[in-house]
Amino acid sequence: MIRTADEASAYGIRAAWFSLAGMGATALLQIVIVVLSGSIALLADTVHNLGHLATTIPLIIAFRLGRRPATRRYSYGYKRAEDLVGLFIGLIIAVSAALIIWESIRGLIEPRPLSHLGWVLAAALVGAAGNEAVAIYRIRAGKRIGSAALVAEGQHARTDALTSLAVVAGVIGAWFGLPQLDAIIGLLIAAVIIAVLVNSMRTVVHRLMDGTETDTIDTIEHTAAAINGVRAVDGVRARWLGHRLECELTLTLDPDTNLAAADTVAHAVRDRLHHELPYLNRTVIQFAA
């Protein structure tokens, strides 16, 4: 079980590098086939994969920045860099969708004959398999360390796997004398990318606005209230900084609780919360007057 922020960041960096290598190999193969075949659908899929490469590197940098200690200027540290990278990821996705739409419209107006259809089909299947492998690894890694950015990138890679399979339809259309189908598939891929963009940005903005899941607040309240000596739990707040969670809460204790006993209760609450919420990095506890 990963507990500390450094362990989580190191694990996230390894996951990012692994997926970068896998997607890089897939994209390189697809570029060669695009040049040979002229397939717009495969070009769309390849551009999307290259976009992933462009967004993975800043994510690695953000993970490294998040490991730096806090300073007087940045008293909460640099963990928020991971969330800011999410905005950059959204920009790259938007640009790739716009390029795909442009090329697809050109393909509809001026259909281009496709060649090396067998290679296009093989590249699409390889792309689907490679992207799905990367998706599984990223999503598992993201969930393990609590990184919404890494999970979103994994979901993005899974969409790439589906769009790679969509290229197969373009090849089939070409075999049956329907070259426009390739451009239509490109537009469908762009639509899927835009849907992923909207979903990803919703999560990114949610975290940038210090939003968290409602069940997280419920867990904090119920866990703290179950500790002996706690009469009430109020003022519960929580927020994500990168892939680590922070929370604040106010405890009302029994009237006859002395200072030493209050400190014991606070330690018990903190330990129990860190057990229930593995991503929890810091807990601030106050006592009601």
C-alpha atoms as a PDB file:
ATOM      1  CA  MET A   1       0.000   0.000   0.000  1.00  0.00           C
ATOM      2  CA  ILE A   2       1.339   3.414  -1.011  1.00  0.00           C
ATOM      3  CA  ARG A   3       1.014   5.872   1.874  1.00  0.00           C
ATOM      4  CA  THR A   4       3.474   8.743   1.580  1.00  0.00           C
ATOM      5  CA  ALA A   5       3.393  11.547  -0.983  1.00  0.00           C
ATOM      6  CA  ASP A   6       6.927  10.706  -2.180  1.00  0.00           C
ATOM      7  CA  GLU A   7       6.010   7.063  -2.767  1.00  0.00           C
ATOM      8  CA  ALA A   8       2.896   8.086  -4.699  1.00  0.00           C
ATOM      9  CA  SER A   9       4.785  10.590  -6.852  1.00  0.00           C
ATOM     10  CA  ALA A  10       7.551   8.098  -7.631  1.00  0.00           C
ATOM     11  CA  TYR A  11       4.975   5.505  -8.631  1.00  0.00           C
ATOM     12  CA  GLY A  12       3.176   8.046 -10.825  1.00  0.00           C
ATOM     13  CA  ILE A  13       6.423   9.002 -12.567  1.00  0.00           C
ATOM     14  CA  ARG A  14       7.200   5.353 -13.316  1.00  0.00           C
ATOM     15  CA  ALA A  15       3.704   4.836 -14.708  1.00  0.00           C
ATOM     16  CA  ALA A  16       4.036   7.909 -16.924  1.00  0.00           C
ATOM     17  CA  TRP A  17       7.417   6.825 -18.322  1.00  0.00           C
ATOM     18  CA  PHE A  18       6.150   3.310 -19.013  1.00  0.00           C
ATOM     19  CA  SER A  19       3.106   4.576 -20.896  1.00  0.00           C
ATOM     20  CA  LEU A  20       5.240   7.144 -22.746  1.00  0.00           C
ATOM     21  CA  ALA A  21       7.440   4.376 -24.122  1.00  0.00           C
ATOM     22  CA  GLY A  22       4.484   2.210 -25.117  1.00  0.00           C
ATOM     23  CA  MET A  23       2.585   4.974 -26.882  1.00  0.00           C
ATOM     24  CA  GLY A  24       5.744   6.280 -28.534  1.00  0.00           C
ATOM     25  CA  ALA A  25       6.398   2.913 -30.160  1.00  0.00           C
ATOM     26  CA  THR A  26       2.785   2.678 -31.315  1.00  0.00           C
ATOM     27  CA  ALA A  27       2.756   6.211 -32.756  1.00  0.00           C
ATOM     28  CA  LEU A  28       6.052   5.665 -34.599  1.00  0.00           C
ATOM     29  CA  LEU A  29       4.675   2.613 -36.370  1.00  0.00           C
ATOM     30  CA  GLN A  30       1.480   4.434 -37.279  1.00  0.00           C
ATOM     31  CA  ILE A  31       3.364   7.435 -38.730  1.00  0.00           C
ATOM     32  CA  VAL A  32       5.141   5.152 -41.180  1.00  0.00           C
ATOM     33  CA  ILE A  33       1.853   3.579 -42.290  1.00  0.00           C
ATOM     34  CA  VAL A  34       0.138   7.004 -42.633  1.00  0.00           C
ATOM     35  CA  VAL A  35       2.900   8.168 -45.006  1.00  0.00           C
ATOM     36  CA  LEU A  36       2.563   5.015 -47.091  1.00  0.00           C
ATOM     37  CA  SER A  37      -1.238   4.802 -47.182  1.00  0.00           C
ATOM     38  CA  GLY A  38      -2.607   8.353 -46.921  1.00  0.00           C
ATOM     39  CA  SER A  39      -5.344   7.164 -44.520  1.00  0.00           C
ATOM     40  CA  ILE A  40      -7.076  10.124 -42.809  1.00  0.00           C
ATOM     41  CA  ALA A  41      -8.632   7.941 -40.124  1.00  0.00           C
ATOM     42  CA  LEU A  42      -5.231   6.507 -39.266  1.00  0.00           C
ATOM     43  CA  LEU A  43      -3.770  10.031 -39.356  1.00  0.00           C
ATOM     44  CA  ALA A  44      -6.449  11.113 -36.864  1.00  0.00           C
ATOM     45  CA  ASP A  45      -5.596   8.215 -34.576  1.00  0.00           C
ATOM     46  CA  THR A  46      -1.863   8.928 -34.898  1.00  0.00           C
ATOM     47  CA  VAL A  47      -2.274  12.638 -34.113  1.00  0.00           C
ATOM     48  CA  HIS A  48      -4.250  11.707 -31.017  1.00  0.00           C
ATOM     49  CA  ASN A  49      -1.461   9.359 -29.905  1.00  0.00           C
ATOM     50  CA  LEU A  50       1.159  12.064 -30.485  1.00  0.00           C
ATOM     51  CA  GLY A  51      -0.974  14.386 -28.396  1.00  0.00           C
ATOM     52  CA  HIS A  52      -0.687  11.880 -25.578  1.00  0.00           C
ATOM     53  CA  LEU A  53       3.086  11.988 -25.850  1.00  0.00           C
ATOM     54  CA  ALA A  54       2.997  15.789 -25.630  1.00  0.00           C
ATOM     55  CA  THR A  55       0.856  15.688 -22.480  1.00  0.00           C
ATOM     56  CA  THR A  56       2.678  12.874 -20.671  1.00  0.00           C
ATOM     57  CA  ILE A  57       5.962  14.784 -20.415  1.00  0.00           C
ATOM     58  CA  PRO A  58       4.429  17.789 -18.578  1.00  0.00           C
ATOM     59  CA  LEU A  59       2.672  15.309 -16.289  1.00  0.00           C
ATOM     60  CA  ILE A  60       6.030  13.787 -15.357  1.00  0.00           C
ATOM     61  CA  ILE A  61       7.412  17.277 -14.687  1.00  0.00           C
ATOM     62  CA  ALA A  62       4.384  18.053 -12.501  1.00  0.00           C
ATOM     63  CA  PHE A  63       4.934  14.892 -10.455  1.00  0.00           C
ATOM     64  CA  ARG A  64       8.551  15.923  -9.892  1.00  0.00           C
ATOM     65  CA  LEU A  65       7.570  19.477  -8.945  1.00  0.00           C
ATOM     66  CA  GLY A  66       5.059  18.105  -6.463  1.00  0.00           C
ATOM     67  CA  ARG A  67       7.882  16.404  -4.557  1.00  0.00           C
ATOM     68  CA  ARG A  68       9.624  19.695  -3.840  1.00  0.00           C
ATOM     69  CA  PRO A  69       9.329  20.987  -0.273  1.00  0.00           C
ATOM     70  CA  ALA A  70       7.121  23.971   0.517  1.00  0.00           C
ATOM     71  CA  THR A  71       8.660  27.426   0.583  1.00  0.00           C
ATOM     72  CA  ARG A  72       7.657  30.736   2.102  1.00  0.00           C
ATOM     73  CA  ARG A  73       6.338  31.803  -1.289  1.00  0.00           C
ATOM     74  CA  TYR A  74       4.530  28.506  -1.944  1.00  0.00           C
ATOM     75  CA  SER A  75       3.630  27.485   1.577  1.00  0.00           C
ATOM     76  CA  TYR A  76       1.418  24.600   0.387  1.00  0.00           C
ATOM     77  CA  GLY A  77       4.144  23.243  -1.874  1.00  0.00           C
ATOM     78  CA  TYR A  78       3.953  22.597  -5.622  1.00  0.00           C
ATOM     79  CA  LYS A  79       1.442  19.736  -5.754  1.00  0.00           C
ATOM     80  CA  ARG A  80      -1.099  21.926  -7.551  1.00  0.00           C
ATOM     81  CA  ALA A  81       1.181  21.778 -10.636  1.00  0.00           C
ATOM     82  CA  GLU A  82      -0.385  18.397 -11.411  1.00  0.00           C
ATOM     83  CA  ASP A  83      -3.826  20.017 -11.656  1.00  0.00           C
ATOM     84  CA  LEU A  84      -2.513  22.872 -13.802  1.00  0.00           C
ATOM     85  CA  VAL A  85      -1.018  20.375 -16.240  1.00  0.00           C
ATOM     86  CA  GLY A  86      -4.552  19.107 -16.700  1.00  0.00           C
ATOM     87  CA  LEU A  87      -5.427  22.407 -18.388  1.00  0.00           C
ATOM     88  CA  PHE A  88      -2.483  22.012 -20.760  1.00  0.00           C
ATOM     89  CA  ILE A  89      -3.630  18.469 -21.535  1.00  0.00           C
ATOM     90  CA  GLY A  90      -7.034  19.871 -22.439  1.00  0.00           C
ATOM     91  CA  LEU A  91      -5.448  22.393 -24.817  1.00  0.00           C
ATOM     92  CA  ILE A  92      -3.469  19.670 -26.606  1.00  0.00           C
ATOM     93  CA  ILE A  93      -6.585  17.526 -26.954  1.00  0.00           C
ATOM     94  CA  ALA A  94      -8.529  20.485 -28.403  1.00  0.00           C
ATOM     95  CA  VAL A  95      -5.789  21.230 -30.942  1.00  0.00           C
ATOM     96  CA  SER A  96      -5.617  17.599 -32.045  1.00  0.00           C
ATOM     97  CA  ALA A  97      -9.412  17.489 -32.495  1.00  0.00           C
ATOM     98  CA  ALA A  98      -9.327  20.665 -34.615  1.00  0.00           C
ATOM     99  CA  LEU A  99      -6.576  19.236 -36.849  1.00  0.00           C
ATOM    100  CA  ILE A 100      -8.490  15.995 -37.323  1.00  0.00           C
ATOM    101  CA  ILE A 101     -11.696  17.852 -38.247  1.00  0.00           C
ATOM    102  CA  TRP A 102      -9.794  19.965 -40.799  1.00  0.00           C
ATOM    103  CA  GLU A 103      -8.166  16.960 -42.453  1.00  0.00           C
ATOM    104  CA  SER A 104     -11.442  15.000 -42.466  1.00  0.00           C
ATOM    105  CA  ILE A 105     -13.358  17.812 -44.173  1.00  0.00           C
ATOM    106  CA  ARG A 106     -10.616  18.037 -46.800  1.00  0.00           C
ATOM    107  CA  GLY A 107     -10.936  14.294 -47.293  1.00  0.00           C
ATOM    108  CA  LEU A 108     -14.684  14.562 -47.836  1.00  0.00           C
ATOM    109  CA  ILE A 109     -14.274  17.349 -50.396  1.00  0.00           C
ATOM    110  CA  GLU A 110     -11.316  15.756 -52.166  1.00  0.00           C
ATOM    111  CA  PRO A 111     -11.261  12.004 -51.465  1.00  0.00           C
ATOM    112  CA  ARG A 112      -7.800  10.535 -51.624  1.00  0.00           C
ATOM    113  CA  PRO A 113      -7.188   6.970 -52.789  1.00  0.00           C
ATOM    114  CA  LEU A 114      -5.830   4.704 -50.059  1.00  0.00           C
ATOM    115  CA  SER A 115      -3.012   2.251 -50.498  1.00  0.00           C
ATOM    116  CA  HIS A 116      -1.375  -0.438 -48.418  1.00  0.00           C
ATOM    117  CA  LEU A 117      -4.735  -1.254 -46.853  1.00  0.00           C
ATOM    118  CA  GLY A 118      -3.395  -4.383 -45.206  1.00  0.00           C
ATOM    119  CA  TRP A 119      -0.746  -2.344 -43.413  1.00  0.00           C
ATOM    120  CA  VAL A 120      -3.337   0.235 -42.335  1.00  0.00           C
ATOM    121  CA  LEU A 121      -5.465  -2.544 -40.876  1.00  0.00           C
ATOM    122  CA  ALA A 122      -2.467  -4.026 -39.065  1.00  0.00           C
ATOM    123  CA  ALA A 123      -1.430  -0.610 -37.710  1.00  0.00           C
ATOM    124  CA  ALA A 124      -4.959   0.020 -36.430  1.00  0.00           C
ATOM    125  CA  LEU A 125      -5.049  -3.298 -34.592  1.00  0.00           C
ATOM    126  CA  VAL A 126      -1.582  -2.723 -33.119  1.00  0.00           C
ATOM    127  CA  GLY A 127      -2.659   0.764 -32.036  1.00  0.00           C
ATOM    128  CA  ALA A 128      -5.762  -0.608 -30.345  1.00  0.00           C
ATOM    129  CA  ALA A 129      -3.795  -3.248 -28.441  1.00  0.00           C
ATOM    130  CA  GLY A 130      -1.014  -0.847 -27.434  1.00  0.00           C
ATOM    131  CA  ASN A 131      -3.376   1.885 -26.278  1.00  0.00           C
ATOM    132  CA  GLU A 132      -5.516  -0.515 -24.258  1.00  0.00           C
ATOM    133  CA  ALA A 133      -2.423  -1.880 -22.491  1.00  0.00           C
ATOM    134  CA  VAL A 134      -1.340   1.663 -21.631  1.00  0.00           C
ATOM    135  CA  ALA A 135      -4.882   2.539 -20.531  1.00  0.00           C
ATOM    136  CA  ILE A 136      -5.110  -0.379 -18.107  1.00  0.00           C
ATOM    137  CA  TYR A 137      -1.733   0.448 -16.587  1.00  0.00           C
ATOM    138  CA  ARG A 138      -2.435   4.197 -16.257  1.00  0.00           C
ATOM    139  CA  ILE A 139      -5.885   3.768 -14.743  1.00  0.00           C
ATOM    140  CA  ARG A 140      -4.662   1.228 -12.193  1.00  0.00           C
ATOM    141  CA  ALA A 141      -1.690   3.421 -11.283  1.00  0.00           C
ATOM    142  CA  GLY A 142      -3.852   6.555 -11.064  1.00  0.00           C
ATOM    143  CA  LYS A 143      -6.402   4.885  -8.794  1.00  0.00           C
ATOM    144  CA  ARG A 144      -3.657   3.463  -6.610  1.00  0.00           C
ATOM    145  CA  ILE A 145      -2.118   6.858  -5.869  1.00  0.00           C
ATOM    146  CA  GLY A 146      -5.298   8.961  -6.165  1.00  0.00           C
ATOM    147  CA  SER A 147      -4.208  10.902  -9.252  1.00  0.00           C
ATOM    148  CA  ALA A 148      -7.177  12.166 -11.265  1.00  0.00           C
ATOM    149  CA  ALA A 149      -4.809  13.378 -13.990  1.00  0.00           C
ATOM    150  CA  LEU A 150      -3.280   9.921 -14.426  1.00  0.00           C
ATOM    151  CA  VAL A 151      -6.693   8.232 -14.448  1.00  0.00           C
ATOM    152  CA  ALA A 152      -7.947  10.741 -17.032  1.00  0.00           C
ATOM    153  CA  GLU A 153      -4.925  10.043 -19.196  1.00  0.00           C
ATOM    154  CA  GLY A 154      -5.694   6.338 -18.912  1.00  0.00           C
ATOM    155  CA  GLN A 155      -9.291   6.907 -19.981  1.00  0.00           C
ATOM    156  CA  HIS A 156      -7.970   9.022 -22.839  1.00  0.00           C
ATOM    157  CA  ALA A 157      -5.738   6.131 -23.917  1.00  0.00           C
ATOM    158  CA  ARG A 158      -8.730   3.776 -23.802  1.00  0.00           C
ATOM    159  CA  THR A 159     -10.569   6.126 -26.141  1.00  0.00           C
ATOM    160  CA  ASP A 160      -7.547   5.921 -28.432  1.00  0.00           C
ATOM    161  CA  ALA A 161      -7.916   2.140 -28.459  1.00  0.00           C
ATOM    162  CA  LEU A 162     -11.534   2.475 -29.556  1.00  0.00           C
ATOM    163  CA  THR A 163     -10.660   5.011 -32.253  1.00  0.00           C
ATOM    164  CA  SER A 164      -7.926   2.698 -33.529  1.00  0.00           C
ATOM    165  CA  LEU A 165     -10.591   0.047 -34.015  1.00  0.00           C
ATOM    166  CA  ALA A 166     -12.696   2.635 -35.848  1.00  0.00           C
ATOM    167  CA  VAL A 167      -9.919   2.902 -38.436  1.00  0.00           C
ATOM    168  CA  VAL A 168     -10.739  -0.675 -39.380  1.00  0.00           C
ATOM    169  CA  ALA A 169     -14.115   0.561 -40.652  1.00  0.00           C
ATOM    170  CA  GLY A 170     -12.295   3.014 -42.929  1.00  0.00           C
ATOM    171  CA  VAL A 171     -10.225   0.190 -44.402  1.00  0.00           C
ATOM    172  CA  ILE A 172     -13.353  -1.876 -44.992  1.00  0.00           C
ATOM    173  CA  GLY A 173     -14.981   1.107 -46.726  1.00  0.00           C
ATOM    174  CA  ALA A 174     -11.988   1.465 -49.027  1.00  0.00           C
ATOM    175  CA  TRP A 175     -12.125  -2.223 -49.893  1.00  0.00           C
ATOM    176  CA  PHE A 176     -15.786  -1.796 -50.881  1.00  0.00           C
ATOM    177  CA  GLY A 177     -15.159   1.347 -52.933  1.00  0.00           C
ATOM    178  CA  LEU A 178     -16.298   3.922 -50.334  1.00  0.00           C
ATOM    179  CA  PRO A 179     -13.229   6.170 -49.860  1.00  0.00           C
ATOM    180  CA  GLN A 180     -15.305   8.884 -48.114  1.00  0.00           C
ATOM    181  CA  LEU A 181     -15.897   6.498 -45.223  1.00  0.00           C
ATOM    182  CA  ASP A 182     -12.282   7.066 -44.150  1.00  0.00           C
ATOM    183  CA  ALA A 183     -12.926  10.805 -43.719  1.00  0.00           C
ATOM    184  CA  ILE A 184     -16.253  10.156 -41.977  1.00  0.00           C
ATOM    185  CA  ILE A 185     -14.492   7.896 -39.485  1.00  0.00           C
ATOM    186  CA  GLY A 186     -12.009  10.744 -38.914  1.00  0.00           C
ATOM    187  CA  LEU A 187     -14.897  13.063 -37.975  1.00  0.00           C
ATOM    188  CA  LEU A 188     -16.333  10.437 -35.627  1.00  0.00           C
ATOM    189  CA  ILE A 189     -12.945  10.122 -33.947  1.00  0.00           C
ATOM    190  CA  ALA A 190     -12.835  13.893 -33.505  1.00  0.00           C
ATOM    191  CA  ALA A 191     -16.272  13.771 -31.867  1.00  0.00           C
ATOM    192  CA  VAL A 192     -15.065  11.131 -29.418  1.00  0.00           C
ATOM    193  CA  ILE A 193     -11.991  13.233 -28.624  1.00  0.00           C
ATOM    194  CA  ILE A 194     -14.171  16.271 -27.890  1.00  0.00           C
ATOM    195  CA  ALA A 195     -16.330  14.174 -25.556  1.00  0.00           C
ATOM    196  CA  VAL A 196     -13.198  13.027 -23.706  1.00  0.00           C
ATOM    197  CA  LEU A 197     -12.034  16.645 -23.535  1.00  0.00           C
ATOM    198  CA  VAL A 198     -15.269  17.822 -21.908  1.00  0.00           C
ATOM    199  CA  ASN A 199     -15.220  14.984 -19.365  1.00  0.00           C
ATOM    200  CA  SER A 200     -11.542  15.470 -18.520  1.00  0.00           C
ATOM    201  CA  MET A 201     -11.840  19.234 -18.116  1.00  0.00           C
ATOM    202  CA  ARG A 202     -14.835  18.806 -15.814  1.00  0.00           C
ATOM    203  CA  THR A 203     -12.662  16.803 -13.405  1.00  0.00           C
ATOM    204  CA  VAL A 204      -9.696  19.173 -13.718  1.00  0.00           C
ATOM    205  CA  VAL A 205     -11.761  22.288 -13.032  1.00  0.00           C
ATOM    206  CA  HIS A 206     -13.507  20.524 -10.151  1.00  0.00           C
ATOM    207  CA  ARG A 207     -10.185  19.942  -8.430  1.00  0.00           C
ATOM    208  CA  LEU A 208      -8.806  23.379  -9.257  1.00  0.00           C
ATOM    209  CA  MET A 209     -11.877  24.806  -7.497  1.00  0.00           C
ATOM    210  CA  ASP A 210     -10.985  22.720  -4.404  1.00  0.00           C
ATOM    211  CA  GLY A 211     -13.865  20.360  -5.066  1.00  0.00           C
ATOM    212  CA  THR A 212     -13.902  16.848  -3.676  1.00  0.00           C
ATOM    213  CA  GLU A 213     -16.251  13.885  -3.636  1.00  0.00           C
ATOM    214  CA  THR A 214     -19.187  14.145  -1.214  1.00  0.00           C
ATOM    215  CA  ASP A 215     -18.525  10.667   0.153  1.00  0.00           C
ATOM    216  CA  THR A 216     -15.057  11.867   1.214  1.00  0.00           C
ATOM    217  CA  ILE A 217     -16.639  14.440   3.545  1.00  0.00           C
ATOM    218  CA  ASP A 218     -19.049  11.786   4.831  1.00  0.00           C
ATOM    219  CA  THR A 219     -16.157   9.411   5.526  1.00  0.00           C
ATOM    220  CA  ILE A 220     -14.269  12.076   7.478  1.00  0.00           C
ATOM    221  CA  GLU A 221     -17.318  12.964   9.580  1.00  0.00           C
ATOM    222  CA  HIS A 222     -18.315   9.366  10.365  1.00  0.00           C
ATOM    223  CA  THR A 223     -14.769   8.203  11.058  1.00  0.00           C
ATOM    224  CA  ALA A 224     -14.000  11.057  13.450  1.00  0.00           C
ATOM    225  CA  ALA A 225     -17.378  10.753  15.215  1.00  0.00           C
ATOM    226  CA  ALA A 226     -16.725   7.057  15.926  1.00  0.00           C
ATOM    227  CA  ILE A 227     -13.665   7.798  18.088  1.00  0.00           C
ATOM    228  CA  ASN A 228     -14.257   7.585  21.855  1.00  0.00           C
ATOM    229  CA  GLY A 229     -14.498  11.001  23.461  1.00  0.00           C
ATOM    230  CA  VAL A 230     -15.775  12.808  20.346  1.00  0.00           C
ATOM    231  CA  ARG A 231     -19.256  14.267  20.831  1.00  0.00           C
ATOM    232  CA  ALA A 232     -19.597  16.138  17.518  1.00  0.00           C
ATOM    233  CA  VAL A 233     -17.715  16.801  14.286  1.00  0.00           C
ATOM    234  CA  ASP A 234     -18.157  20.150  12.525  1.00  0.00           C
ATOM    235  CA  GLY A 235     -16.508  22.372   9.931  1.00  0.00           C
ATOM    236  CA  VAL A 236     -15.247  19.495   7.810  1.00  0.00           C
ATOM    237  CA  ARG A 237     -13.381  20.614   4.696  1.00  0.00           C
ATOM    238  CA  ALA A 238     -11.235  18.702   2.250  1.00  0.00           C
ATOM    239  CA  ARG A 239      -9.389  19.411  -0.983  1.00  0.00           C
ATOM    240  CA  TRP A 240      -7.007  17.758  -3.381  1.00  0.00           C
ATOM    241  CA  LEU A 241      -3.514  19.087  -4.011  1.00  0.00           C
ATOM    242  CA  GLY A 242      -2.392  17.047  -6.981  1.00  0.00           C
ATOM    243  CA  HIS A 243      -2.903  13.423  -6.001  1.00  0.00           C
ATOM    244  CA  ARG A 244      -2.859  14.034  -2.236  1.00  0.00           C
ATOM    245  CA  LEU A 245      -5.804  14.930  -0.033  1.00  0.00           C
ATOM    246  CA  GLU A 246      -5.879  17.444   2.824  1.00  0.00           C
ATOM    247  CA  CYS A 247      -8.660  17.957   5.343  1.00  0.00           C
ATOM    248  CA  GLU A 248      -9.672  20.186   8.256  1.00  0.00           C
ATOM    249  CA  LEU A 249     -12.242  19.489  10.966  1.00  0.00           C
ATOM    250  CA  THR A 250     -13.406  20.764  14.353  1.00  0.00           C
ATOM    251  CA  LEU A 251     -14.083  18.330  17.196  1.00  0.00           C
ATOM    252  CA  THR A 252     -16.356  18.814  20.173  1.00  0.00           C
ATOM    253  CA  LEU A 253     -15.141  16.659  23.055  1.00  0.00           C
ATOM    254  CA  ASP A 254     -16.645  15.589  26.359  1.00  0.00           C
ATOM    255  CA  PRO A 255     -16.722  18.535  28.805  1.00  0.00           C
ATOM    256  CA  ASP A 256     -14.380  16.873  31.310  1.00  0.00           C
ATOM    257  CA  THR A 257     -11.663  16.123  28.718  1.00  0.00           C
ATOM    258  CA  ASN A 258      -8.274  17.499  29.782  1.00  0.00           C
ATOM    259  CA  LEU A 259      -5.454  18.626  27.469  1.00  0.00           C
ATOM    260  CA  ALA A 260      -3.610  15.288  27.481  1.00  0.00           C
ATOM    261  CA  ALA A 261      -6.786  13.359  26.726  1.00  0.00           C
ATOM    262  CA  ALA A 262      -7.685  15.785  23.916  1.00  0.00           C
ATOM    263  CA  ASP A 263      -4.278  15.204  22.356  1.00  0.00           C
ATOM    264  CA  THR A 264      -4.849  11.436  22.538  1.00  0.00           C
ATOM    265  CA  VAL A 265      -8.230  11.791  20.844  1.00  0.00           C
ATOM    266  CA  ALA A 266      -6.712  13.953  18.098  1.00  0.00           C
ATOM    267  CA  HIS A 267      -4.023  11.340  17.415  1.00  0.00           C
ATOM    268  CA  ALA A 268      -6.652   8.585  17.293  1.00  0.00           C
ATOM    269  CA  VAL A 269      -8.802  10.578  14.845  1.00  0.00           C
ATOM    270  CA  ARG A 270      -5.820  11.372  12.638  1.00  0.00           C
ATOM    271  CA  ASP A 271      -4.589   7.775  12.570  1.00  0.00           C
ATOM    272  CA  ARG A 272      -8.048   6.428  11.781  1.00  0.00           C
ATOM    273  CA  LEU A 273      -8.599   8.959   9.000  1.00  0.00           C
ATOM    274  CA  HIS A 274      -5.276   8.105   7.364  1.00  0.00           C
ATOM    275  CA  HIS A 275      -6.269   4.445   7.505  1.00  0.00           C
ATOM    276  CA  GLU A 276      -9.675   5.064   5.898  1.00  0.00           C
ATOM    277  CA  LEU A 277      -8.345   7.540   3.309  1.00  0.00           C
ATOM    278  CA  PRO A 278      -5.023   6.242   1.926  1.00  0.00           C
ATOM    279  CA  TYR A 279      -4.523   9.423  -0.149  1.00  0.00           C
ATOM    280  CA  LEU A 280      -4.780  11.685   2.905  1.00  0.00           C
ATOM    281  CA  ASN A 281      -1.584  13.667   3.337  1.00  0.00           C
ATOM    282  CA  ARG A 282      -2.386  16.208   6.071  1.00  0.00           C
ATOM    283  CA  THR A 283      -5.105  16.568   8.721  1.00  0.00           C
ATOM    284  CA  VAL A 284      -5.718  19.775  10.660  1.00  0.00           C
ATOM    285  CA  ILE A 285      -7.798  19.274  13.819  1.00  0.00           C
ATOM    286  CA  GLN A 286      -9.269  22.035  15.951  1.00  0.00           C
ATOM    287  CA  PHE A 287     -11.336  21.797  19.129  1.00  0.00           C
ATOM    288  CA  ALA A 288     -14.583  23.636  19.721  1.00  0.00           C
ATOM    289  CA  ALA A 289     -14.480  26.096  22.586  1.00  0.00           C
END
